[in-house]
């Protein structure tokens, strides 16, 4: 149960795609709660882990925005997660989010980096920011105004439909700011 929850939460988190030597998840119990139905415990554990994941992402080095990438329609869950991670890890996507730029081309590029996933056909892919589909299609002036607000928010959601099957995954990360570069360039270990 713990591994299942960790796989759906902590293993779906990326600040800059690098792993720290101190990245650890552990769970302890003292038994004081007594008997708890397994499904209730798993639900509570998942909710707690997800809340922590979002806090970690919001607290990323130099982060100004929480980035959530949801991919649906993958061949399976593994493909959906692989594509979502490619998007959330892309420095170009992260900087576009920081600059509030709805550049769907950068999202499409990140999807395209999954070059072994030959069943992803561009004509079936859909990309959205918030609840607005930006690819394919044309946006109205009103849509562009709403999209501007979506991109300036502190929580930006990218939604992708692959059209390959029933797999889905959601991952979390943050934007990439000049402060991130400063934090990581200005100290020596």
N, C-alpha and C. Protein backbone atom coordinates (compact mmCIF):
# COMPACT_ATOMS: atom_id res chain seq x y z
N UNK A 1 0.83 -1.18 0.00
CA UNK A 1 0.00 0.00 0.00
C UNK A 1 0.88 1.26 0.00
N UNK A 2 1.92 1.26 0.83
CA UNK A 2 2.82 2.41 0.92
C UNK A 2 3.50 2.66 -0.43
N UNK A 3 3.99 1.60 -1.07
CA UNK A 3 4.65 1.76 -2.37
C UNK A 3 3.67 2.28 -3.42
N UNK A 4 2.43 1.81 -3.37
CA UNK A 4 1.41 2.27 -4.32
C UNK A 4 1.16 3.77 -4.13
N UNK A 5 1.03 4.21 -2.89
CA UNK A 5 0.80 5.63 -2.60
C UNK A 5 2.02 6.46 -3.01
N UNK A 6 3.22 6.00 -2.68
CA UNK A 6 4.44 6.72 -3.03
C UNK A 6 4.57 6.83 -4.55
N UNK A 7 4.25 5.76 -5.27
CA UNK A 7 4.34 5.79 -6.73
C UNK A 7 3.39 6.82 -7.34
N UNK A 8 2.24 7.03 -6.72
CA UNK A 8 1.24 7.96 -7.25
C UNK A 8 1.41 9.38 -6.72
N UNK A 9 2.35 9.59 -5.80
CA UNK A 9 2.52 10.92 -5.21
C UNK A 9 3.99 11.37 -5.28
N UNK A 10 4.80 10.90 -4.37
CA UNK A 10 6.19 11.35 -4.32
C UNK A 10 6.97 11.01 -5.59
N UNK A 11 6.67 9.86 -6.21
CA UNK A 11 7.34 9.50 -7.46
C UNK A 11 6.75 10.23 -8.67
N UNK A 12 5.81 11.11 -8.42
CA UNK A 12 5.23 11.95 -9.47
C UNK A 12 5.57 13.41 -9.22
N UNK A 13 6.66 13.66 -8.53
CA UNK A 13 7.11 15.00 -8.18
C UNK A 13 8.46 15.25 -8.80
N UNK A 14 8.64 16.43 -9.37
CA UNK A 14 9.94 16.80 -9.90
C UNK A 14 10.11 18.31 -9.80
N UNK A 15 11.17 18.72 -9.16
CA UNK A 15 11.50 20.14 -9.11
C UNK A 15 12.38 20.48 -10.31
N UNK A 16 13.47 19.72 -10.48
CA UNK A 16 14.38 19.97 -11.60
C UNK A 16 14.90 18.70 -12.24
N UNK A 17 14.24 17.60 -11.97
CA UNK A 17 14.54 16.25 -12.49
C UNK A 17 15.76 15.61 -11.83
N UNK A 18 16.46 16.32 -10.96
CA UNK A 18 17.59 15.73 -10.25
C UNK A 18 17.13 15.16 -8.92
N UNK A 19 17.83 14.13 -8.47
CA UNK A 19 17.50 13.46 -7.21
C UNK A 19 18.54 13.83 -6.17
N UNK A 20 18.09 14.20 -5.00
CA UNK A 20 18.99 14.53 -3.91
C UNK A 20 19.33 13.27 -3.14
N UNK A 21 20.51 13.25 -2.56
CA UNK A 21 20.91 12.10 -1.74
C UNK A 21 20.05 11.99 -0.49
N UNK A 22 19.34 13.05 -0.14
CA UNK A 22 18.50 13.01 1.05
C UNK A 22 17.02 12.76 0.73
N UNK A 23 16.68 12.49 -0.52
CA UNK A 23 15.28 12.20 -0.88
C UNK A 23 14.87 10.87 -0.27
N UNK A 24 13.96 10.93 0.69
CA UNK A 24 13.52 9.74 1.40
C UNK A 24 12.05 9.87 1.78
N UNK A 25 11.33 8.78 1.71
CA UNK A 25 9.96 8.72 2.21
C UNK A 25 9.90 7.55 3.17
N UNK A 26 9.37 7.80 4.35
CA UNK A 26 9.25 6.74 5.35
C UNK A 26 7.91 6.91 6.07
N UNK A 27 7.41 5.82 6.60
CA UNK A 27 6.16 5.86 7.36
C UNK A 27 6.38 5.08 8.65
N UNK A 28 5.86 5.64 9.74
CA UNK A 28 5.99 5.00 11.04
C UNK A 28 4.61 4.94 11.69
N UNK A 29 4.43 3.98 12.53
CA UNK A 29 3.17 3.85 13.25
C UNK A 29 3.45 3.42 14.69
N UNK A 30 2.70 4.04 15.61
CA UNK A 30 2.85 3.64 17.01
C UNK A 30 1.67 2.79 17.48
N UNK A 31 0.66 2.61 16.61
CA UNK A 31 -0.47 1.75 16.93
C UNK A 31 -1.52 2.39 17.82
N UNK A 32 -1.33 3.64 18.22
CA UNK A 32 -2.28 4.28 19.13
C UNK A 32 -3.66 4.48 18.51
N UNK A 33 -3.75 4.53 17.21
CA UNK A 33 -5.05 4.73 16.55
C UNK A 33 -5.91 3.48 16.60
N UNK A 34 -5.31 2.37 16.91
CA UNK A 34 -6.07 1.12 16.93
C UNK A 34 -6.30 0.62 15.51
N UNK A 35 -7.29 -0.25 15.37
CA UNK A 35 -7.61 -0.83 14.05
C UNK A 35 -8.23 0.24 13.15
N UNK A 36 -7.75 0.31 11.93
CA UNK A 36 -8.27 1.22 10.91
C UNK A 36 -8.50 0.41 9.65
N UNK A 37 -9.68 0.52 9.04
CA UNK A 37 -9.92 -0.21 7.78
C UNK A 37 -8.85 0.18 6.74
N UNK A 38 -8.35 -0.84 6.05
CA UNK A 38 -7.27 -0.61 5.09
C UNK A 38 -7.60 0.46 4.06
N UNK A 39 -8.80 0.40 3.49
CA UNK A 39 -9.14 1.37 2.44
C UNK A 39 -9.18 2.79 2.99
N UNK A 40 -9.61 2.97 4.24
CA UNK A 40 -9.62 4.30 4.85
C UNK A 40 -8.19 4.78 5.11
N UNK A 41 -7.35 3.86 5.59
CA UNK A 41 -5.95 4.22 5.83
C UNK A 41 -5.26 4.61 4.53
N UNK A 42 -5.48 3.82 3.47
CA UNK A 42 -4.84 4.12 2.19
C UNK A 42 -5.31 5.47 1.66
N UNK A 43 -6.59 5.76 1.77
CA UNK A 43 -7.12 7.04 1.31
C UNK A 43 -6.49 8.19 2.09
N UNK A 44 -6.42 8.07 3.41
CA UNK A 44 -5.83 9.12 4.25
C UNK A 44 -4.34 9.28 3.95
N UNK A 45 -3.64 8.16 3.76
CA UNK A 45 -2.21 8.20 3.44
C UNK A 45 -1.99 8.90 2.10
N UNK A 46 -2.82 8.58 1.12
CA UNK A 46 -2.69 9.21 -0.20
C UNK A 46 -2.95 10.71 -0.11
N UNK A 47 -3.99 11.11 0.60
CA UNK A 47 -4.30 12.54 0.74
C UNK A 47 -3.17 13.29 1.43
N UNK A 48 -2.61 12.71 2.47
CA UNK A 48 -1.51 13.34 3.19
C UNK A 48 -0.27 13.44 2.30
N UNK A 49 0.05 12.36 1.62
CA UNK A 49 1.23 12.35 0.74
C UNK A 49 1.07 13.37 -0.39
N UNK A 50 -0.11 13.44 -0.99
CA UNK A 50 -0.34 14.39 -2.07
C UNK A 50 -0.23 15.83 -1.57
N UNK A 51 -0.75 16.10 -0.40
CA UNK A 51 -0.63 17.44 0.17
C UNK A 51 0.84 17.81 0.37
N UNK A 52 1.64 16.85 0.85
CA UNK A 52 3.08 17.11 1.03
C UNK A 52 3.78 17.32 -0.31
N UNK A 53 3.43 16.53 -1.31
CA UNK A 53 4.03 16.67 -2.64
C UNK A 53 3.77 18.08 -3.18
N UNK A 54 2.55 18.56 -3.06
CA UNK A 54 2.24 19.90 -3.55
C UNK A 54 2.98 20.97 -2.77
N UNK A 55 3.16 20.77 -1.47
CA UNK A 55 3.93 21.74 -0.66
C UNK A 55 5.39 21.74 -1.08
N UNK A 56 5.95 20.56 -1.33
CA UNK A 56 7.35 20.47 -1.77
C UNK A 56 7.51 21.18 -3.11
N UNK A 57 6.59 20.95 -4.04
CA UNK A 57 6.67 21.61 -5.35
C UNK A 57 6.55 23.12 -5.22
N UNK A 58 5.63 23.59 -4.40
CA UNK A 58 5.47 25.04 -4.20
C UNK A 58 6.71 25.65 -3.55
N UNK A 59 7.47 24.83 -2.80
CA UNK A 59 8.65 25.31 -2.09
C UNK A 59 9.93 25.01 -2.86
N UNK A 60 9.81 24.62 -4.13
CA UNK A 60 11.00 24.34 -4.94
C UNK A 60 11.90 25.56 -4.99
N UNK A 61 13.17 25.33 -5.18
CA UNK A 61 14.15 26.41 -5.20
C UNK A 61 13.76 27.49 -6.21
N UNK A 62 13.41 28.66 -5.71
CA UNK A 62 13.04 29.78 -6.58
C UNK A 62 11.66 29.66 -7.18
N UNK A 63 10.87 28.68 -6.78
CA UNK A 63 9.55 28.45 -7.38
C UNK A 63 8.60 29.60 -7.10
N UNK A 64 7.84 29.96 -8.12
CA UNK A 64 6.77 30.96 -7.96
C UNK A 64 5.41 30.37 -8.29
N UNK A 65 5.40 29.18 -8.94
CA UNK A 65 4.15 28.56 -9.35
C UNK A 65 4.20 27.05 -9.16
N UNK A 66 3.07 26.49 -8.78
CA UNK A 66 2.88 25.04 -8.76
C UNK A 66 2.46 24.63 -10.16
N UNK A 67 3.13 23.64 -10.71
CA UNK A 67 2.83 23.13 -12.04
C UNK A 67 2.26 21.73 -11.90
N UNK A 68 1.09 21.51 -12.47
CA UNK A 68 0.44 20.20 -12.45
C UNK A 68 0.23 19.77 -13.90
N UNK A 69 0.71 18.58 -14.24
CA UNK A 69 0.59 18.07 -15.59
C UNK A 69 -0.23 16.78 -15.54
N UNK A 70 -1.39 16.80 -16.17
CA UNK A 70 -2.24 15.62 -16.25
C UNK A 70 -2.26 15.08 -17.67
N UNK A 71 -1.94 13.81 -17.81
CA UNK A 71 -1.95 13.16 -19.12
C UNK A 71 -2.98 12.04 -19.09
N UNK A 72 -3.89 12.08 -20.05
CA UNK A 72 -4.91 11.04 -20.21
C UNK A 72 -4.73 10.40 -21.57
N UNK A 73 -5.32 9.23 -21.72
CA UNK A 73 -5.32 8.58 -23.02
C UNK A 73 -4.01 7.92 -23.40
N UNK A 74 -3.18 7.61 -22.39
CA UNK A 74 -1.95 6.89 -22.67
C UNK A 74 -2.26 5.43 -22.97
N UNK A 75 -1.34 4.77 -23.63
CA UNK A 75 -1.49 3.33 -23.89
C UNK A 75 -1.72 2.59 -22.58
N UNK A 76 -1.01 3.05 -21.55
CA UNK A 76 -1.16 2.52 -20.20
C UNK A 76 -0.70 3.61 -19.23
N UNK A 77 -0.79 3.33 -17.95
CA UNK A 77 -0.41 4.31 -16.94
C UNK A 77 1.07 4.68 -17.05
N UNK A 78 1.92 3.71 -17.35
CA UNK A 78 3.36 3.96 -17.47
C UNK A 78 3.66 4.97 -18.58
N UNK A 79 3.00 4.83 -19.72
CA UNK A 79 3.22 5.78 -20.81
C UNK A 79 2.73 7.17 -20.42
N UNK A 80 1.56 7.24 -19.81
CA UNK A 80 1.02 8.54 -19.41
C UNK A 80 1.96 9.22 -18.42
N UNK A 81 2.51 8.46 -17.48
CA UNK A 81 3.43 9.04 -16.49
C UNK A 81 4.73 9.48 -17.15
N UNK A 82 5.23 8.70 -18.09
CA UNK A 82 6.48 9.03 -18.80
C UNK A 82 6.31 10.35 -19.56
N UNK A 83 5.19 10.51 -20.23
CA UNK A 83 4.93 11.73 -20.99
C UNK A 83 4.75 12.92 -20.04
N UNK A 84 4.00 12.71 -18.96
CA UNK A 84 3.78 13.79 -17.99
C UNK A 84 5.11 14.24 -17.38
N UNK A 85 5.98 13.28 -17.06
CA UNK A 85 7.29 13.62 -16.49
C UNK A 85 8.16 14.36 -17.52
N UNK A 86 8.07 13.98 -18.79
CA UNK A 86 8.84 14.69 -19.82
C UNK A 86 8.41 16.15 -19.88
N UNK A 87 7.13 16.40 -19.72
CA UNK A 87 6.62 17.77 -19.75
C UNK A 87 7.05 18.53 -18.51
N UNK A 88 6.82 17.96 -17.33
CA UNK A 88 7.11 18.68 -16.08
C UNK A 88 8.62 18.89 -15.90
N UNK A 89 9.45 18.06 -16.51
CA UNK A 89 10.90 18.19 -16.40
C UNK A 89 11.52 19.12 -17.43
N UNK A 90 10.77 19.52 -18.44
CA UNK A 90 11.33 20.34 -19.51
C UNK A 90 11.66 21.75 -19.03
N UNK A 91 12.93 22.17 -19.13
CA UNK A 91 13.28 23.54 -18.75
C UNK A 91 12.52 24.57 -19.60
N UNK A 92 12.26 24.26 -20.86
CA UNK A 92 11.53 25.21 -21.70
C UNK A 92 10.07 25.34 -21.27
N UNK A 93 9.44 24.24 -20.88
CA UNK A 93 8.08 24.32 -20.35
C UNK A 93 8.09 25.10 -19.04
N UNK A 94 9.04 24.78 -18.16
CA UNK A 94 9.12 25.43 -16.85
C UNK A 94 9.32 26.94 -16.97
N UNK A 95 10.16 27.36 -17.90
CA UNK A 95 10.38 28.81 -18.07
C UNK A 95 9.17 29.47 -18.72
N UNK A 96 8.48 28.77 -19.60
CA UNK A 96 7.26 29.32 -20.19
C UNK A 96 6.20 29.52 -19.10
N UNK A 97 6.09 28.57 -18.20
CA UNK A 97 5.14 28.70 -17.09
C UNK A 97 5.53 29.88 -16.22
N UNK A 98 6.82 30.03 -15.94
CA UNK A 98 7.28 31.17 -15.13
C UNK A 98 6.91 32.50 -15.80
N UNK A 99 7.07 32.55 -17.11
CA UNK A 99 6.78 33.78 -17.85
C UNK A 99 5.32 33.93 -18.24
N UNK A 100 4.45 33.01 -17.78
CA UNK A 100 3.02 33.03 -18.09
C UNK A 100 2.77 32.99 -19.60
N UNK A 101 3.61 32.24 -20.31
CA UNK A 101 3.52 32.11 -21.76
C UNK A 101 2.84 30.79 -22.12
N UNK A 102 1.65 30.82 -22.71
CA UNK A 102 0.94 29.58 -23.06
C UNK A 102 1.50 28.94 -24.35
N UNK A 103 2.77 28.65 -24.33
CA UNK A 103 3.46 28.14 -25.50
C UNK A 103 3.26 26.62 -25.60
N UNK A 104 2.17 26.22 -26.27
CA UNK A 104 1.87 24.80 -26.38
C UNK A 104 2.92 24.07 -27.19
N UNK A 105 3.69 24.78 -28.01
CA UNK A 105 4.75 24.15 -28.79
C UNK A 105 5.80 23.52 -27.90
N UNK A 106 6.06 24.14 -26.75
CA UNK A 106 7.03 23.57 -25.82
C UNK A 106 6.48 22.28 -25.19
N UNK A 107 5.19 22.24 -24.94
CA UNK A 107 4.57 21.02 -24.40
C UNK A 107 4.63 19.93 -25.48
N UNK A 108 4.31 20.28 -26.71
CA UNK A 108 4.37 19.31 -27.81
C UNK A 108 5.79 18.79 -27.99
N UNK A 109 6.79 19.67 -27.85
CA UNK A 109 8.18 19.24 -27.96
C UNK A 109 8.51 18.22 -26.88
N UNK A 110 8.05 18.47 -25.64
CA UNK A 110 8.32 17.54 -24.54
C UNK A 110 7.68 16.18 -24.80
N UNK A 111 6.46 16.20 -25.34
CA UNK A 111 5.80 14.94 -25.70
C UNK A 111 6.63 14.21 -26.76
N UNK A 112 7.12 14.97 -27.73
CA UNK A 112 7.92 14.40 -28.81
C UNK A 112 9.24 13.80 -28.35
N UNK A 113 9.74 14.23 -27.19
CA UNK A 113 10.97 13.64 -26.66
C UNK A 113 10.78 12.19 -26.25
N UNK A 114 9.55 11.76 -26.11
CA UNK A 114 9.26 10.36 -25.78
C UNK A 114 9.27 9.57 -27.09
N UNK A 115 10.39 9.57 -27.75
CA UNK A 115 10.50 9.06 -29.11
C UNK A 115 10.32 7.55 -29.24
N UNK A 116 10.42 6.82 -28.14
CA UNK A 116 10.19 5.37 -28.20
C UNK A 116 8.69 5.05 -28.18
N UNK A 117 7.87 6.03 -27.84
CA UNK A 117 6.42 5.84 -27.80
C UNK A 117 5.85 6.12 -29.19
N UNK A 118 6.05 5.18 -30.09
CA UNK A 118 5.69 5.37 -31.49
C UNK A 118 4.19 5.41 -31.74
N UNK A 119 3.39 5.00 -30.76
CA UNK A 119 1.94 5.03 -30.94
C UNK A 119 1.33 6.40 -30.64
N UNK A 120 2.14 7.36 -30.21
CA UNK A 120 1.63 8.72 -30.01
C UNK A 120 1.63 9.42 -31.36
N UNK A 121 0.44 9.66 -31.89
CA UNK A 121 0.30 10.30 -33.19
C UNK A 121 -0.14 11.75 -33.00
N UNK A 122 0.61 12.70 -33.55
CA UNK A 122 0.33 14.12 -33.33
C UNK A 122 -1.11 14.53 -33.61
N UNK A 123 -1.73 13.92 -34.60
CA UNK A 123 -3.11 14.32 -34.94
C UNK A 123 -4.13 13.92 -33.88
N UNK A 124 -3.76 13.03 -32.96
CA UNK A 124 -4.67 12.64 -31.87
C UNK A 124 -4.40 13.40 -30.57
N UNK A 125 -3.27 14.09 -30.50
CA UNK A 125 -2.88 14.79 -29.27
C UNK A 125 -3.69 16.06 -29.09
N UNK A 126 -4.09 16.31 -27.84
CA UNK A 126 -4.77 17.54 -27.44
C UNK A 126 -3.99 18.13 -26.28
N UNK A 127 -3.79 19.46 -26.29
CA UNK A 127 -3.05 20.14 -25.23
C UNK A 127 -3.91 21.28 -24.71
N UNK A 128 -3.97 21.39 -23.40
CA UNK A 128 -4.73 22.47 -22.79
C UNK A 128 -4.00 23.07 -21.61
N UNK A 129 -4.33 24.32 -21.32
CA UNK A 129 -3.87 25.00 -20.11
C UNK A 129 -5.12 25.32 -19.32
N UNK A 130 -5.16 24.87 -18.07
CA UNK A 130 -6.39 25.01 -17.30
C UNK A 130 -7.48 24.23 -18.02
N UNK A 131 -8.63 24.86 -18.24
CA UNK A 131 -9.73 24.19 -18.94
C UNK A 131 -9.84 24.62 -20.40
N UNK A 132 -8.81 25.30 -20.90
CA UNK A 132 -8.83 25.77 -22.29
C UNK A 132 -7.94 24.92 -23.18
N UNK A 133 -8.52 24.31 -24.20
CA UNK A 133 -7.72 23.57 -25.16
C UNK A 133 -7.04 24.57 -26.07
N UNK A 134 -5.72 24.45 -26.18
CA UNK A 134 -4.95 25.38 -27.02
C UNK A 134 -4.44 24.72 -28.29
N UNK A 135 -4.39 23.38 -28.29
CA UNK A 135 -3.97 22.66 -29.50
C UNK A 135 -4.80 21.42 -29.62
N UNK A 136 -5.34 21.13 -30.78
CA UNK A 136 -5.42 22.00 -31.95
C UNK A 136 -6.57 22.99 -31.79
N UNK A 137 -6.62 23.92 -32.69
CA UNK A 137 -7.73 24.84 -32.71
C UNK A 137 -7.30 26.29 -32.59
N UNK A 138 -8.27 27.15 -32.78
CA UNK A 138 -8.06 28.59 -32.70
C UNK A 138 -8.75 29.13 -31.46
N UNK A 139 -8.12 30.05 -30.78
CA UNK A 139 -8.70 30.67 -29.61
C UNK A 139 -9.30 32.02 -29.98
N UNK A 140 -10.41 32.35 -29.36
CA UNK A 140 -11.03 33.66 -29.57
C UNK A 140 -10.31 34.69 -28.71
N UNK A 141 -10.61 35.95 -28.90
CA UNK A 141 -10.03 37.01 -28.08
C UNK A 141 -10.39 36.79 -26.61
N UNK A 142 -11.62 36.38 -26.35
CA UNK A 142 -12.04 36.09 -24.98
C UNK A 142 -11.28 34.93 -24.38
N UNK A 143 -11.04 33.89 -25.20
CA UNK A 143 -10.25 32.74 -24.73
C UNK A 143 -8.84 33.18 -24.37
N UNK A 144 -8.25 34.03 -25.19
CA UNK A 144 -6.89 34.50 -24.94
C UNK A 144 -6.81 35.29 -23.64
N UNK A 145 -7.84 36.07 -23.36
CA UNK A 145 -7.88 36.83 -22.12
C UNK A 145 -7.98 35.88 -20.92
N UNK A 146 -8.85 34.87 -21.02
CA UNK A 146 -8.97 33.87 -19.95
C UNK A 146 -7.67 33.09 -19.79
N UNK A 147 -7.05 32.75 -20.90
CA UNK A 147 -5.80 32.00 -20.88
C UNK A 147 -4.70 32.80 -20.18
N UNK A 148 -4.68 34.09 -20.40
CA UNK A 148 -3.70 34.95 -19.74
C UNK A 148 -3.84 34.84 -18.22
N UNK A 149 -5.07 34.83 -17.73
CA UNK A 149 -5.31 34.68 -16.30
C UNK A 149 -4.89 33.32 -15.79
N UNK A 150 -5.16 32.28 -16.57
CA UNK A 150 -4.77 30.92 -16.20
C UNK A 150 -3.25 30.85 -16.04
N UNK A 151 -2.52 31.45 -16.95
CA UNK A 151 -1.07 31.37 -16.94
C UNK A 151 -0.44 32.21 -15.84
N UNK A 152 -1.11 33.26 -15.39
CA UNK A 152 -0.58 34.11 -14.31
C UNK A 152 -0.88 33.54 -12.92
N UNK A 153 -1.71 32.54 -12.84
CA UNK A 153 -2.10 31.97 -11.54
C UNK A 153 -0.91 31.31 -10.85
N UNK A 154 -1.04 31.10 -9.55
CA UNK A 154 0.01 30.44 -8.78
C UNK A 154 0.00 28.93 -8.97
N UNK A 155 -1.08 28.38 -9.54
CA UNK A 155 -1.20 26.95 -9.82
C UNK A 155 -1.60 26.82 -11.29
N UNK A 156 -0.70 26.32 -12.11
CA UNK A 156 -0.96 26.18 -13.55
C UNK A 156 -1.08 24.70 -13.87
N UNK A 157 -2.18 24.35 -14.53
CA UNK A 157 -2.42 22.96 -14.92
C UNK A 157 -2.30 22.82 -16.43
N UNK A 158 -1.50 21.86 -16.84
CA UNK A 158 -1.38 21.48 -18.25
C UNK A 158 -2.11 20.16 -18.40
N UNK A 159 -3.02 20.09 -19.36
CA UNK A 159 -3.78 18.86 -19.61
C UNK A 159 -3.45 18.36 -21.02
N UNK A 160 -3.13 17.08 -21.10
CA UNK A 160 -2.78 16.47 -22.39
C UNK A 160 -3.62 15.22 -22.58
N UNK A 161 -4.15 15.06 -23.76
CA UNK A 161 -4.86 13.84 -24.18
C UNK A 161 -4.02 13.24 -25.30
N UNK A 162 -3.60 11.97 -25.12
CA UNK A 162 -2.75 11.31 -26.12
C UNK A 162 -3.55 10.53 -27.15
N UNK A 163 -4.74 10.06 -26.80
CA UNK A 163 -5.55 9.31 -27.74
C UNK A 163 -5.02 7.93 -28.06
N UNK A 164 -4.29 7.31 -27.11
CA UNK A 164 -3.70 5.99 -27.35
C UNK A 164 -4.39 4.87 -26.57
N UNK A 165 -5.13 5.23 -25.52
CA UNK A 165 -5.72 4.19 -24.69
C UNK A 165 -6.34 4.78 -23.44
N UNK A 166 -6.34 4.00 -22.36
CA UNK A 166 -7.02 4.41 -21.13
C UNK A 166 -6.10 4.77 -19.97
N UNK A 167 -4.79 4.86 -20.21
CA UNK A 167 -3.86 5.18 -19.12
C UNK A 167 -3.83 6.66 -18.81
N UNK A 168 -3.76 6.98 -17.51
CA UNK A 168 -3.64 8.38 -17.14
C UNK A 168 -2.68 8.53 -15.97
N UNK A 169 -2.12 9.73 -15.83
CA UNK A 169 -1.19 10.03 -14.74
C UNK A 169 -1.17 11.54 -14.54
N UNK A 170 -0.90 11.92 -13.30
CA UNK A 170 -0.72 13.33 -12.96
C UNK A 170 0.58 13.47 -12.21
N UNK A 171 1.35 14.48 -12.57
CA UNK A 171 2.62 14.76 -11.90
C UNK A 171 2.65 16.23 -11.50
N UNK A 172 3.52 16.56 -10.55
CA UNK A 172 3.59 17.91 -10.05
C UNK A 172 5.04 18.39 -10.07
N UNK A 173 5.20 19.69 -10.26
CA UNK A 173 6.51 20.32 -10.24
C UNK A 173 6.32 21.81 -10.04
N UNK A 174 7.27 22.57 -10.52
CA UNK A 174 7.21 24.02 -10.36
C UNK A 174 7.85 24.68 -11.57
N UNK A 175 7.70 26.00 -11.62
CA UNK A 175 8.32 26.76 -12.70
C UNK A 175 9.82 26.87 -12.45
N UNK A 176 10.52 27.40 -13.42
CA UNK A 176 11.97 27.59 -13.34
C UNK A 176 12.23 29.08 -13.47
N UNK A 177 12.73 29.66 -12.41
CA UNK A 177 12.91 31.11 -12.36
C UNK A 177 14.38 31.50 -12.34
N UNK A 178 14.65 32.78 -12.51
CA UNK A 178 16.02 33.29 -12.39
C UNK A 178 16.54 33.05 -10.97
N UNK A 179 15.64 33.08 -9.99
CA UNK A 179 16.06 32.82 -8.61
C UNK A 179 16.58 31.39 -8.45
N UNK A 180 16.00 30.42 -9.19
CA UNK A 180 16.49 29.04 -9.15
C UNK A 180 17.96 29.01 -9.58
N UNK A 181 18.26 29.70 -10.67
CA UNK A 181 19.63 29.74 -11.17
C UNK A 181 20.55 30.39 -10.13
N UNK A 182 20.09 31.49 -9.55
CA UNK A 182 20.88 32.18 -8.54
C UNK A 182 21.15 31.31 -7.32
N UNK A 183 20.10 30.67 -6.81
CA UNK A 183 20.23 29.80 -5.63
C UNK A 183 21.26 28.70 -5.90
N UNK A 184 21.20 28.11 -7.07
CA UNK A 184 22.06 26.97 -7.38
C UNK A 184 23.43 27.36 -7.93
N UNK A 185 23.62 28.62 -8.27
CA UNK A 185 24.90 29.07 -8.78
C UNK A 185 25.73 29.81 -7.73
N UNK A 186 25.09 30.32 -6.71
CA UNK A 186 25.77 31.22 -5.78
C UNK A 186 26.31 30.57 -4.52
N UNK A 187 26.30 29.26 -4.45
CA UNK A 187 26.91 28.63 -3.29
C UNK A 187 27.80 27.50 -3.73
N UNK A 188 28.73 27.16 -2.89
CA UNK A 188 29.65 26.08 -3.19
C UNK A 188 29.60 25.08 -2.04
N UNK A 189 29.68 23.80 -2.38
CA UNK A 189 29.64 22.78 -1.32
C UNK A 189 31.00 22.16 -1.13
